[in-house]
Amino acid sequence: MNGGPNWPLVGKWRILSTEMWDREALDSCGPAYFLFGEREGEARLIVMELSLDCGFSNTMVHFDFHGSDEGMEISGDGFAELREDGLIEGEISLRDGDESMYVARRWRAEDER
């Protein structure tokens, strides 16, 4: 199901932590984020730039992605689920087998740098 502007996960989310990468690595090319649109989105973390195809269900978004990691094409999938505290928690899985859980919060003005 496609999300609309009133779906709770539509918007930009600042990645706070992951199982696999520390904060310095996450932000190596700027603040790490997910941007979930009604059908499409984007993400940046580490040196990965990703385009997302999004599908929503209640307080979750599932996505497939493709993009680049230091010039190499990559793809995979993931999800995010809204927690009661307003954060999202999810997983990103690359087709090569790497996967990591993550936590993110709504983007704030101070995240711009």
C-alpha atoms as a PDB file:
ATOM      1  CA  MET A   1       0.000   0.000   0.000  1.00  0.00           C
ATOM      2  CA  ASN A   2       1.271   3.463  -0.817  1.00  0.00           C
ATOM      3  CA  GLY A   3       1.612   6.014   1.940  1.00  0.00           C
ATOM      4  CA  GLY A   4       0.046   9.445   1.904  1.00  0.00           C
ATOM      5  CA  PRO A   5       1.215  12.660   3.534  1.00  0.00           C
ATOM      6  CA  ASN A   6      -0.646  11.747   6.739  1.00  0.00           C
ATOM      7  CA  TRP A   7       1.092   8.396   7.187  1.00  0.00           C
ATOM      8  CA  PRO A   8       3.269   8.617  10.300  1.00  0.00           C
ATOM      9  CA  LEU A   9       6.499   7.497   8.596  1.00  0.00           C
ATOM     10  CA  VAL A  10       6.413   9.835   5.583  1.00  0.00           C
ATOM     11  CA  GLY A  11       9.214  12.366   5.917  1.00  0.00           C
ATOM     12  CA  LYS A  12      12.902  12.608   6.710  1.00  0.00           C
ATOM     13  CA  TRP A  13      14.506  10.613   9.529  1.00  0.00           C
ATOM     14  CA  ARG A  14      17.981  11.083  11.056  1.00  0.00           C
ATOM     15  CA  ILE A  15      19.772   7.771  11.574  1.00  0.00           C
ATOM     16  CA  LEU A  16      21.070   7.770  15.148  1.00  0.00           C
ATOM     17  CA  SER A  17      22.692   4.357  15.429  1.00  0.00           C
ATOM     18  CA  THR A  18      23.166   1.004  13.728  1.00  0.00           C
ATOM     19  CA  GLU A  19      24.457  -2.379  14.799  1.00  0.00           C
ATOM     20  CA  MET A  20      27.123  -2.432  12.110  1.00  0.00           C
ATOM     21  CA  TRP A  21      28.473   1.119  11.769  1.00  0.00           C
ATOM     22  CA  ASP A  22      29.491   3.724  14.340  1.00  0.00           C
ATOM     23  CA  ARG A  23      28.336   7.356  14.150  1.00  0.00           C
ATOM     24  CA  GLU A  24      31.566   8.617  12.557  1.00  0.00           C
ATOM     25  CA  ALA A  25      31.255   6.064   9.742  1.00  0.00           C
ATOM     26  CA  LEU A  26      27.503   6.691   9.340  1.00  0.00           C
ATOM     27  CA  ASP A  27      28.061  10.413   8.813  1.00  0.00           C
ATOM     28  CA  SER A  28      31.208  10.177   6.673  1.00  0.00           C
ATOM     29  CA  CYS A  29      29.440  11.853   3.701  1.00  0.00           C
ATOM     30  CA  GLY A  30      27.087  14.070   5.719  1.00  0.00           C
ATOM     31  CA  PRO A  31      24.300  13.342   8.198  1.00  0.00           C
ATOM     32  CA  ALA A  32      22.905   9.837   7.671  1.00  0.00           C
ATOM     33  CA  TYR A  33      19.170   9.761   6.889  1.00  0.00           C
ATOM     34  CA  PHE A  34      16.161   8.041   5.370  1.00  0.00           C
ATOM     35  CA  LEU A  35      13.564  10.063   3.449  1.00  0.00           C
ATOM     36  CA  PHE A  36      10.306   8.154   2.978  1.00  0.00           C
ATOM     37  CA  GLY A  37       7.936   9.571   0.374  1.00  0.00           C
ATOM     38  CA  GLU A  38       4.477   8.345  -0.585  1.00  0.00           C
ATOM     39  CA  ARG A  39       5.944   5.787  -3.011  1.00  0.00           C
ATOM     40  CA  GLU A  40       9.627   6.578  -3.322  1.00  0.00           C
ATOM     41  CA  GLY A  41      12.384   7.820  -1.105  1.00  0.00           C
ATOM     42  CA  GLU A  42      16.103   8.125  -0.642  1.00  0.00           C
ATOM     43  CA  ALA A  43      18.759   7.416   1.936  1.00  0.00           C
ATOM     44  CA  ARG A  44      22.355   8.270   2.662  1.00  0.00           C
ATOM     45  CA  LEU A  45      24.555   6.428   5.106  1.00  0.00           C
ATOM     46  CA  ILE A  46      28.287   5.788   5.134  1.00  0.00           C
ATOM     47  CA  VAL A  47      29.192   6.334   1.455  1.00  0.00           C
ATOM     48  CA  MET A  48      25.955   4.771   0.195  1.00  0.00           C
ATOM     49  CA  GLU A  49      23.449   6.839  -1.786  1.00  0.00           C
ATOM     50  CA  LEU A  50      20.175   4.922  -2.171  1.00  0.00           C
ATOM     51  CA  SER A  51      16.880   5.272  -4.050  1.00  0.00           C
ATOM     52  CA  LEU A  52      13.935   3.623  -2.284  1.00  0.00           C
ATOM     53  CA  ASP A  53      10.678   2.088  -3.499  1.00  0.00           C
ATOM     54  CA  CYS A  54       8.357   2.312  -0.475  1.00  0.00           C
ATOM     55  CA  GLY A  55       5.253   0.408   0.609  1.00  0.00           C
ATOM     56  CA  PHE A  56       3.371   1.228   3.804  1.00  0.00           C
ATOM     57  CA  SER A  57       1.230  -0.701   6.283  1.00  0.00           C
ATOM     58  CA  ASN A  58      -0.109   1.051   9.397  1.00  0.00           C
ATOM     59  CA  THR A  59       3.015   2.070  11.354  1.00  0.00           C
ATOM     60  CA  MET A  60       5.547   0.352   9.079  1.00  0.00           C
ATOM     61  CA  VAL A  61       7.274   1.015   5.798  1.00  0.00           C
ATOM     62  CA  HIS A  62       8.955  -1.683   3.723  1.00  0.00           C
ATOM     63  CA  PHE A  63      11.367  -0.675   0.988  1.00  0.00           C
ATOM     64  CA  ASP A  64      13.509  -2.071  -1.785  1.00  0.00           C
ATOM     65  CA  PHE A  65      16.536  -0.022  -2.736  1.00  0.00           C
ATOM     66  CA  HIS A  66      19.222   0.378  -5.351  1.00  0.00           C
ATOM     67  CA  GLY A  67      22.115   2.771  -5.414  1.00  0.00           C
ATOM     68  CA  SER A  68      25.856   3.070  -5.117  1.00  0.00           C
ATOM     69  CA  ASP A  69      28.528   2.360  -2.544  1.00  0.00           C
ATOM     70  CA  GLU A  70      31.818   4.003  -3.551  1.00  0.00           C
ATOM     71  CA  GLY A  71      30.807   3.734  -7.206  1.00  0.00           C
ATOM     72  CA  MET A  72      29.695   0.088  -7.052  1.00  0.00           C
ATOM     73  CA  GLU A  73      26.032  -0.709  -7.705  1.00  0.00           C
ATOM     74  CA  ILE A  74      24.197  -2.162  -4.723  1.00  0.00           C
ATOM     75  CA  SER A  75      20.644  -3.239  -3.935  1.00  0.00           C
ATOM     76  CA  GLY A  76      18.647  -4.692  -1.099  1.00  0.00           C
ATOM     77  CA  ASP A  77      15.636  -4.140   1.087  1.00  0.00           C
ATOM     78  CA  GLY A  78      14.607  -3.048   4.531  1.00  0.00           C
ATOM     79  CA  PHE A  79      11.877  -1.835   6.806  1.00  0.00           C
ATOM     80  CA  ALA A  80      11.146   0.721   9.498  1.00  0.00           C
ATOM     81  CA  GLU A  81       8.582   0.528  12.284  1.00  0.00           C
ATOM     82  CA  LEU A  82       7.333   3.409  14.395  1.00  0.00           C
ATOM     83  CA  ARG A  83       7.954   2.879  18.105  1.00  0.00           C
ATOM     84  CA  GLU A  84       5.769   4.253  20.903  1.00  0.00           C
ATOM     85  CA  ASP A  85       8.498   6.766  21.805  1.00  0.00           C
ATOM     86  CA  GLY A  86       8.299   8.337  18.313  1.00  0.00           C
ATOM     87  CA  LEU A  87      11.563   6.858  17.035  1.00  0.00           C
ATOM     88  CA  ILE A  88      11.714   4.338  14.221  1.00  0.00           C
ATOM     89  CA  GLU A  89      13.555   1.056  14.376  1.00  0.00           C
ATOM     90  CA  GLY A  90      14.285  -1.130  11.401  1.00  0.00           C
ATOM     91  CA  GLU A  91      16.713  -3.137   9.365  1.00  0.00           C
ATOM     92  CA  ILE A  92      18.588  -2.566   6.130  1.00  0.00           C
ATOM     93  CA  SER A  93      19.795  -5.640   4.216  1.00  0.00           C
ATOM     94  CA  LEU A  94      22.166  -5.558   1.266  1.00  0.00           C
ATOM     95  CA  ARG A  95      21.903  -8.310  -1.325  1.00  0.00           C
ATOM     96  CA  ASP A  96      25.527  -9.304  -0.619  1.00  0.00           C
ATOM     97  CA  GLY A  97      24.500 -10.459   2.851  1.00  0.00           C
ATOM     98  CA  ASP A  98      25.373  -7.464   5.049  1.00  0.00           C
ATOM     99  CA  GLU A  99      22.494  -6.374   7.262  1.00  0.00           C
ATOM    100  CA  SER A 100      22.105  -4.032  10.182  1.00  0.00           C
ATOM    101  CA  MET A 101      19.401  -2.890  12.565  1.00  0.00           C
ATOM    102  CA  TYR A 102      19.087   0.884  13.010  1.00  0.00           C
ATOM    103  CA  VAL A 103      17.283   3.534  15.055  1.00  0.00           C
ATOM    104  CA  ALA A 104      16.285   6.957  13.696  1.00  0.00           C
ATOM    105  CA  ARG A 105      14.363  10.053  14.790  1.00  0.00           C
ATOM    106  CA  ARG A 106      12.549  12.790  12.902  1.00  0.00           C
ATOM    107  CA  TRP A 107      14.878  15.174  11.094  1.00  0.00           C
ATOM    108  CA  ARG A 108      15.477  18.477  12.893  1.00  0.00           C
ATOM    109  CA  ALA A 109      16.750  21.827  11.647  1.00  0.00           C
ATOM    110  CA  GLU A 110      20.028  21.322  13.522  1.00  0.00           C
ATOM    111  CA  ASP A 111      20.696  18.187  11.455  1.00  0.00           C
ATOM    112  CA  GLU A 112      21.484  20.378   8.430  1.00  0.00           C
ATOM    113  CA  ARG A 113      25.221  20.961   8.128  1.00  0.00           C
END
